[in-house]
C-alpha atoms as a PDB file:
ATOM      1  CA  MET A   1      18.264   4.113   3.197  1.00  0.00           C
ATOM      2  CA  GLU A   2      18.115   3.314  -0.488  1.00  0.00           C
ATOM      3  CA  PHE A   3      20.792   5.379  -2.161  1.00  0.00           C
ATOM      4  CA  LYS A   4      19.933   6.477  -5.699  1.00  0.00           C
ATOM      5  CA  GLN A   5      22.565   7.693  -8.125  1.00  0.00           C
ATOM      6  CA  GLY A   6      21.170  11.224  -8.425  1.00  0.00           C
ATOM      7  CA  SER A   7      20.390  11.818  -4.758  1.00  0.00           C
ATOM      8  CA  VAL A   8      22.140  13.983  -2.203  1.00  0.00           C
ATOM      9  CA  THR A   9      21.303  13.184   1.432  1.00  0.00           C
ATOM     10  CA  ILE A  10      22.355  15.074   4.565  1.00  0.00           C
ATOM     11  CA  ILE A  11      22.180  13.412   7.986  1.00  0.00           C
ATOM     12  CA  ASP A  12      23.210  15.214  11.154  1.00  0.00           C
ATOM     13  CA  ASP A  13      24.832  13.668  14.230  1.00  0.00           C
ATOM     14  CA  ILE A  14      26.005  10.340  12.851  1.00  0.00           C
ATOM     15  CA  PHE A  15      29.096  10.991  14.964  1.00  0.00           C
ATOM     16  CA  SER A  16      28.871  12.783  18.311  1.00  0.00           C
ATOM     17  CA  PRO A  17      30.854  15.959  18.983  1.00  0.00           C
ATOM     18  CA  GLU A  18      33.004  13.868  21.364  1.00  0.00           C
ATOM     19  CA  ASP A  19      33.782  11.338  18.594  1.00  0.00           C
ATOM     20  CA  CYS A  20      34.695  14.191  16.249  1.00  0.00           C
ATOM     21  CA  ARG A  21      36.962  15.869  18.829  1.00  0.00           C
ATOM     22  CA  GLU A  22      38.672  12.528  19.535  1.00  0.00           C
ATOM     23  CA  MET A  23      39.357  11.957  15.827  1.00  0.00           C
ATOM     24  CA  ILE A  24      40.813  15.473  15.441  1.00  0.00           C
ATOM     25  CA  LYS A  25      42.953  15.035  18.574  1.00  0.00           C
ATOM     26  CA  TYR A  26      44.275  11.700  17.394  1.00  0.00           C
ATOM     27  CA  TYR A  27      45.023  13.178  13.953  1.00  0.00           C
ATOM     28  CA  ASN A  28      46.968  16.102  15.447  1.00  0.00           C
ATOM     29  CA  ASP A  29      48.793  13.940  18.009  1.00  0.00           C
ATOM     30  CA  ASN A  30      49.948  11.663  15.173  1.00  0.00           C
ATOM     31  CA  ILE A  31      50.656  14.171  12.414  1.00  0.00           C
ATOM     32  CA  GLU A  32      53.748  12.159  11.440  1.00  0.00           C
ATOM     33  CA  ASN A  33      51.370   9.426  10.169  1.00  0.00           C
ATOM     34  CA  THR A  34      49.684  11.772   7.695  1.00  0.00           C
ATOM     35  CA  THR A  35      50.363  12.232   4.009  1.00  0.00           C
ATOM     36  CA  TYR A  36      50.755  15.658   2.413  1.00  0.00           C
ATOM     37  CA  ARG A  37      48.647  16.067  -0.738  1.00  0.00           C
ATOM     38  CA  THR A  38      49.103  19.258  -2.783  1.00  0.00           C
ATOM     39  CA  ASP A  39      47.601  21.644  -0.189  1.00  0.00           C
ATOM     40  CA  TYR A  40      46.087  19.407   2.492  1.00  0.00           C
ATOM     41  CA  ARG A  41      47.032  16.448   4.695  1.00  0.00           C
ATOM     42  CA  ASN A  42      45.219  13.168   5.231  1.00  0.00           C
ATOM     43  CA  MET A  43      45.451  10.121   7.489  1.00  0.00           C
ATOM     44  CA  ARG A  44      44.274   6.610   6.756  1.00  0.00           C
ATOM     45  CA  PHE A  45      40.961   5.906   8.478  1.00  0.00           C
ATOM     46  CA  TYR A  46      42.241   2.513   9.709  1.00  0.00           C
ATOM     47  CA  GLU A  47      44.670   4.225  12.077  1.00  0.00           C
ATOM     48  CA  VAL A  48      41.971   6.378  13.681  1.00  0.00           C
ATOM     49  CA  VAL A  49      39.539   3.483  14.038  1.00  0.00           C
ATOM     50  CA  ASP A  50      42.274   1.330  15.557  1.00  0.00           C
ATOM     51  CA  HIS A  51      43.068   4.058  18.085  1.00  0.00           C
ATOM     52  CA  MET A  52      39.455   4.760  19.040  1.00  0.00           C
ATOM     53  CA  THR A  53      38.524   1.119  19.481  1.00  0.00           C
ATOM     54  CA  GLN A  54      41.854  -0.510  20.341  1.00  0.00           C
ATOM     55  CA  LYS A  55      41.351  -3.156  17.687  1.00  0.00           C
ATOM     56  CA  PRO A  56      44.274  -4.809  15.884  1.00  0.00           C
ATOM     57  CA  ASN A  57      45.418  -3.060  12.721  1.00  0.00           C
ATOM     58  CA  GLY A  58      43.809  -3.933   9.423  1.00  0.00           C
ATOM     59  CA  HIS A  59      40.120  -4.066  10.411  1.00  0.00           C
ATOM     60  CA  TYR A  60      37.329  -1.499  10.499  1.00  0.00           C
ATOM     61  CA  ASP A  61      35.592  -1.604  13.829  1.00  0.00           C
ATOM     62  CA  LYS A  62      31.947  -2.646  14.042  1.00  0.00           C
ATOM     63  CA  GLN A  63      31.006   0.295  16.270  1.00  0.00           C
ATOM     64  CA  ILE A  64      32.468   3.019  14.011  1.00  0.00           C
ATOM     65  CA  SER A  65      31.372   1.454  10.722  1.00  0.00           C
ATOM     66  CA  SER A  66      27.868   0.813  11.991  1.00  0.00           C
ATOM     67  CA  LYS A  67      27.379   4.499  12.838  1.00  0.00           C
ATOM     68  CA  VAL A  68      27.524   5.243   9.119  1.00  0.00           C
ATOM     69  CA  LEU A  69      26.251   1.966   7.670  1.00  0.00           C
ATOM     70  CA  LYS A  70      23.091   1.802   9.813  1.00  0.00           C
ATOM     71  CA  TRP A  71      21.657   4.586   7.655  1.00  0.00           C
ATOM     72  CA  MET A  72      21.997   2.382   4.580  1.00  0.00           C
ATOM     73  CA  ASP A  73      20.450  -0.906   5.699  1.00  0.00           C
ATOM     74  CA  TYR A  74      23.932  -2.496   5.723  1.00  0.00           C
ATOM     75  CA  ARG A  75      23.814  -3.140   1.969  1.00  0.00           C
ATOM     76  CA  TYR A  76      27.111  -1.333   1.466  1.00  0.00           C
ATOM     77  CA  ARG A  77      30.551  -1.458   2.958  1.00  0.00           C
ATOM     78  CA  ILE A  78      33.279   1.097   3.429  1.00  0.00           C
ATOM     79  CA  GLN A  79      35.736   0.766   0.598  1.00  0.00           C
ATOM     80  CA  ARG A  80      38.185   3.535   1.456  1.00  0.00           C
ATOM     81  CA  ALA A  81      38.287   6.337   4.020  1.00  0.00           C
ATOM     82  CA  HIS A  82      40.597   8.857   5.598  1.00  0.00           C
ATOM     83  CA  LEU A  83      40.703  11.945   7.787  1.00  0.00           C
ATOM     84  CA  GLU A  84      41.567  15.162   6.024  1.00  0.00           C
ATOM     85  CA  ARG A  85      42.827  18.514   7.307  1.00  0.00           C
ATOM     86  CA  ARG A  86      42.701  21.617   5.124  1.00  0.00           C
ATOM     87  CA  HIS A  87      44.447  24.822   6.167  1.00  0.00           C
ATOM     88  CA  PRO A  88      43.699  28.437   5.115  1.00  0.00           C
ATOM     89  CA  GLY A  89      44.161  28.873   1.368  1.00  0.00           C
ATOM     90  CA  SER A  90      43.316  25.220   0.678  1.00  0.00           C
ATOM     91  CA  TYR A  91      40.487  24.317  -1.705  1.00  0.00           C
ATOM     92  CA  MET A  92      39.532  21.645  -4.225  1.00  0.00           C
ATOM     93  CA  ASN A  93      38.260  22.461  -7.711  1.00  0.00           C
ATOM     94  CA  TYR A  94      35.177  20.811  -9.204  1.00  0.00           C
ATOM     95  CA  HIS A  95      35.898  17.156  -9.864  1.00  0.00           C
ATOM     96  CA  LEU A  96      34.378  13.695 -10.060  1.00  0.00           C
ATOM     97  CA  ASP A  97      35.656  10.999  -7.732  1.00  0.00           C
ATOM     98  CA  GLY A  98      37.692   8.399  -9.514  1.00  0.00           C
ATOM     99  CA  ALA A  99      38.010   6.041  -6.580  1.00  0.00           C
ATOM    100  CA  PHE A 100      37.430   2.511  -7.893  1.00  0.00           C
ATOM    101  CA  ASP A 101      35.132   0.831 -10.405  1.00  0.00           C
ATOM    102  CA  GLN A 102      33.110  -0.649  -7.539  1.00  0.00           C
ATOM    103  CA  THR A 103      32.530   2.707  -5.792  1.00  0.00           C
ATOM    104  CA  VAL A 104      28.807   3.461  -5.640  1.00  0.00           C
ATOM    105  CA  PHE A 105      28.818   6.647  -3.568  1.00  0.00           C
ATOM    106  CA  THR A 106      30.731   8.989  -1.291  1.00  0.00           C
ATOM    107  CA  SER A 107      30.147  10.653   2.059  1.00  0.00           C
ATOM    108  CA  VAL A 108      31.840  13.551   3.795  1.00  0.00           C
ATOM    109  CA  THR A 109      31.523  13.953   7.572  1.00  0.00           C
ATOM    110  CA  TYR A 110      32.433  17.301   9.105  1.00  0.00           C
ATOM    111  CA  LEU A 111      34.474  16.933  12.288  1.00  0.00           C
ATOM    112  CA  ASN A 112      34.555  20.644  13.161  1.00  0.00           C
ATOM    113  CA  GLU A 113      32.886  23.902  12.198  1.00  0.00           C
ATOM    114  CA  ASP A 114      35.250  26.486  13.715  1.00  0.00           C
ATOM    115  CA  TYR A 115      36.684  27.618  10.389  1.00  0.00           C
ATOM    116  CA  GLU A 116      35.645  29.923   7.574  1.00  0.00           C
ATOM    117  CA  GLY A 117      34.958  28.840   4.002  1.00  0.00           C
ATOM    118  CA  GLY A 118      35.618  25.190   3.186  1.00  0.00           C
ATOM    119  CA  HIS A 119      32.037  24.437   2.156  1.00  0.00           C
ATOM    120  CA  THR A 120      31.277  21.450  -0.047  1.00  0.00           C
ATOM    121  CA  ILE A 121      29.419  22.426  -3.226  1.00  0.00           C
ATOM    122  CA  ILE A 122      27.646  19.699  -5.211  1.00  0.00           C
ATOM    123  CA  ARG A 123      26.617  20.408  -8.791  1.00  0.00           C
ATOM    124  CA  PRO A 124      23.701  18.255  -9.981  1.00  0.00           C
ATOM    125  CA  HIS A 125      24.629  15.850 -12.763  1.00  0.00           C
ATOM    126  CA  GLY A 126      24.245  17.391 -16.219  1.00  0.00           C
ATOM    127  CA  ASP A 127      23.989  20.982 -14.929  1.00  0.00           C
ATOM    128  CA  ASP A 128      26.904  23.093 -16.161  1.00  0.00           C
ATOM    129  CA  SER A 129      25.781  26.227 -14.356  1.00  0.00           C
ATOM    130  CA  ASP A 130      25.962  27.137 -10.681  1.00  0.00           C
ATOM    131  CA  LYS A 131      22.221  27.820 -10.636  1.00  0.00           C
ATOM    132  CA  HIS A 132      21.155  24.552  -8.950  1.00  0.00           C
ATOM    133  CA  ASN A 133      24.258  23.877  -6.856  1.00  0.00           C
ATOM    134  CA  ILE A 134      23.820  22.419  -3.393  1.00  0.00           C
ATOM    135  CA  GLU A 135      25.997  24.103  -0.768  1.00  0.00           C
ATOM    136  CA  ILE A 136      26.649  22.043   2.347  1.00  0.00           C
ATOM    137  CA  ILE A 137      27.160  24.185   5.439  1.00  0.00           C
ATOM    138  CA  PRO A 138      29.597  22.442   7.826  1.00  0.00           C
ATOM    139  CA  ARG A 139      28.263  21.317  11.204  1.00  0.00           C
ATOM    140  CA  VAL A 140      30.030  19.001  13.653  1.00  0.00           C
ATOM    141  CA  GLY A 141      28.857  15.429  13.007  1.00  0.00           C
ATOM    142  CA  ARG A 142      26.988  16.314   9.774  1.00  0.00           C
ATOM    143  CA  THR A 143      27.399  13.814   6.948  1.00  0.00           C
ATOM    144  CA  VAL A 144      26.493  14.376   3.317  1.00  0.00           C
ATOM    145  CA  PHE A 145      26.010  11.313   1.078  1.00  0.00           C
ATOM    146  CA  PHE A 146      26.174  11.629  -2.714  1.00  0.00           C
ATOM    147  CA  HIS A 147      27.438   9.835  -5.803  1.00  0.00           C
ATOM    148  CA  GLY A 148      30.863  11.423  -6.144  1.00  0.00           C
ATOM    149  CA  ALA A 149      31.548   9.892  -9.556  1.00  0.00           C
ATOM    150  CA  TYR A 150      28.210  11.221 -10.842  1.00  0.00           C
ATOM    151  CA  HIS A 151      27.963  14.749  -9.372  1.00  0.00           C
ATOM    152  CA  HIS A 152      30.753  17.280  -9.835  1.00  0.00           C
ATOM    153  CA  HIS A 153      31.689  18.689  -6.450  1.00  0.00           C
ATOM    154  CA  CYS A 154      34.286  21.002  -4.921  1.00  0.00           C
ATOM    155  CA  VAL A 155      35.525  22.450  -1.644  1.00  0.00           C
ATOM    156  CA  THR A 156      35.543  26.240  -1.433  1.00  0.00           C
ATOM    157  CA  GLU A 157      38.678  27.917  -0.165  1.00  0.00           C
ATOM    158  CA  VAL A 158      39.274  27.685   3.569  1.00  0.00           C
ATOM    159  CA  SER A 159      39.744  31.317   4.553  1.00  0.00           C
ATOM    160  CA  GLY A 160      40.320  30.914   8.289  1.00  0.00           C
ATOM    161  CA  GLY A 161      40.941  28.108  10.754  1.00  0.00           C
ATOM    162  CA  GLU A 162      41.505  24.440   9.908  1.00  0.00           C
ATOM    163  CA  ARG A 163      38.854  22.226   8.288  1.00  0.00           C
ATOM    164  CA  TYR A 164      38.702  18.566   9.392  1.00  0.00           C
ATOM    165  CA  THR A 165      36.566  16.058   7.488  1.00  0.00           C
ATOM    166  CA  MET A 166      36.230  12.337   7.030  1.00  0.00           C
ATOM    167  CA  PRO A 167      35.554  11.412   3.384  1.00  0.00           C
ATOM    168  CA  ILE A 168      34.436   7.818   2.814  1.00  0.00           C
ATOM    169  CA  TRP A 169      33.857   5.867  -0.401  1.00  0.00           C
ATOM    170  CA  TYR A 170      31.430   2.918  -0.401  1.00  0.00           C
ATOM    171  CA  MET A 171      30.743  -0.196  -2.435  1.00  0.00           C
ATOM    172  CA  HIS A 172      27.864  -2.708  -2.537  1.00  0.00           C
ATOM    173  CA  LEU A 173      28.114  -5.818  -0.414  1.00  0.00           C
ATOM    174  CA  PRO A 174      28.649  -8.810  -2.691  1.00  0.00           C
ATOM    175  CA  PRO A 175      25.407 -10.858  -2.604  1.00  0.00           C
ATOM    176  CA  ASP A 176      27.334 -14.066  -1.913  1.00  0.00           C
ATOM    177  CA  LEU A 177      29.543 -12.692   0.878  1.00  0.00           C
ATOM    178  CA  PRO A 178      30.031 -15.407   3.553  1.00  0.00           C
ATOM    179  CA  GLU A 179      28.681 -14.566   7.017  1.00  0.00           C
ATOM    180  CA  LYS A 180      32.153 -14.704   8.585  1.00  0.00           C
ATOM    181  CA  HIS A 181      33.133 -11.649   6.488  1.00  0.00           C
ATOM    182  CA  LYS A 182      30.145  -9.558   7.619  1.00  0.00           C
ATOM    183  CA  TRP A 183      31.828  -8.694  10.906  1.00  0.00           C
ATOM    184  CA  TRP A 184      30.677  -5.038  10.836  1.00  0.00           C
ATOM    185  CA  LEU A 185      26.973  -5.920  11.039  1.00  0.00           C
END
């Protein structure tokens, strides 16, 4: 998939419902490893990947990374990721991602859908109205890809249940990256 700066792409079932349930279970069983942020909690993606694949700490696993990266012809790599849980009353105002200079786009994978509210809204670049907004309806395993530093986006208020997602930020593969460092391919 060639990812263009202005595009928004939705792909269903990158992760199976079983994968999503396992990530939520691991998150909840290890709540002490999460960080509280204003009105939500998150967990480093490394910890979940390590649990699911029993790999040593510090490495993304080929199997998990490839489920996302296969949609992008492996020209990108995961730069940063975490699991996030939002409770009722939690929301995020319109913002642009300020991850890193090298960040080229963002994805959000929905791990559950048994909550109310908590939709992702993406406002097309340069549009200050809500007229052309794209509302992403949560579905287990659904992933939305977009340029988070280019499109303003928000999370509507979670009005019931708990919302679990996996946001990921990506960067280009360096053209001169040695083969030994392409372990996720």
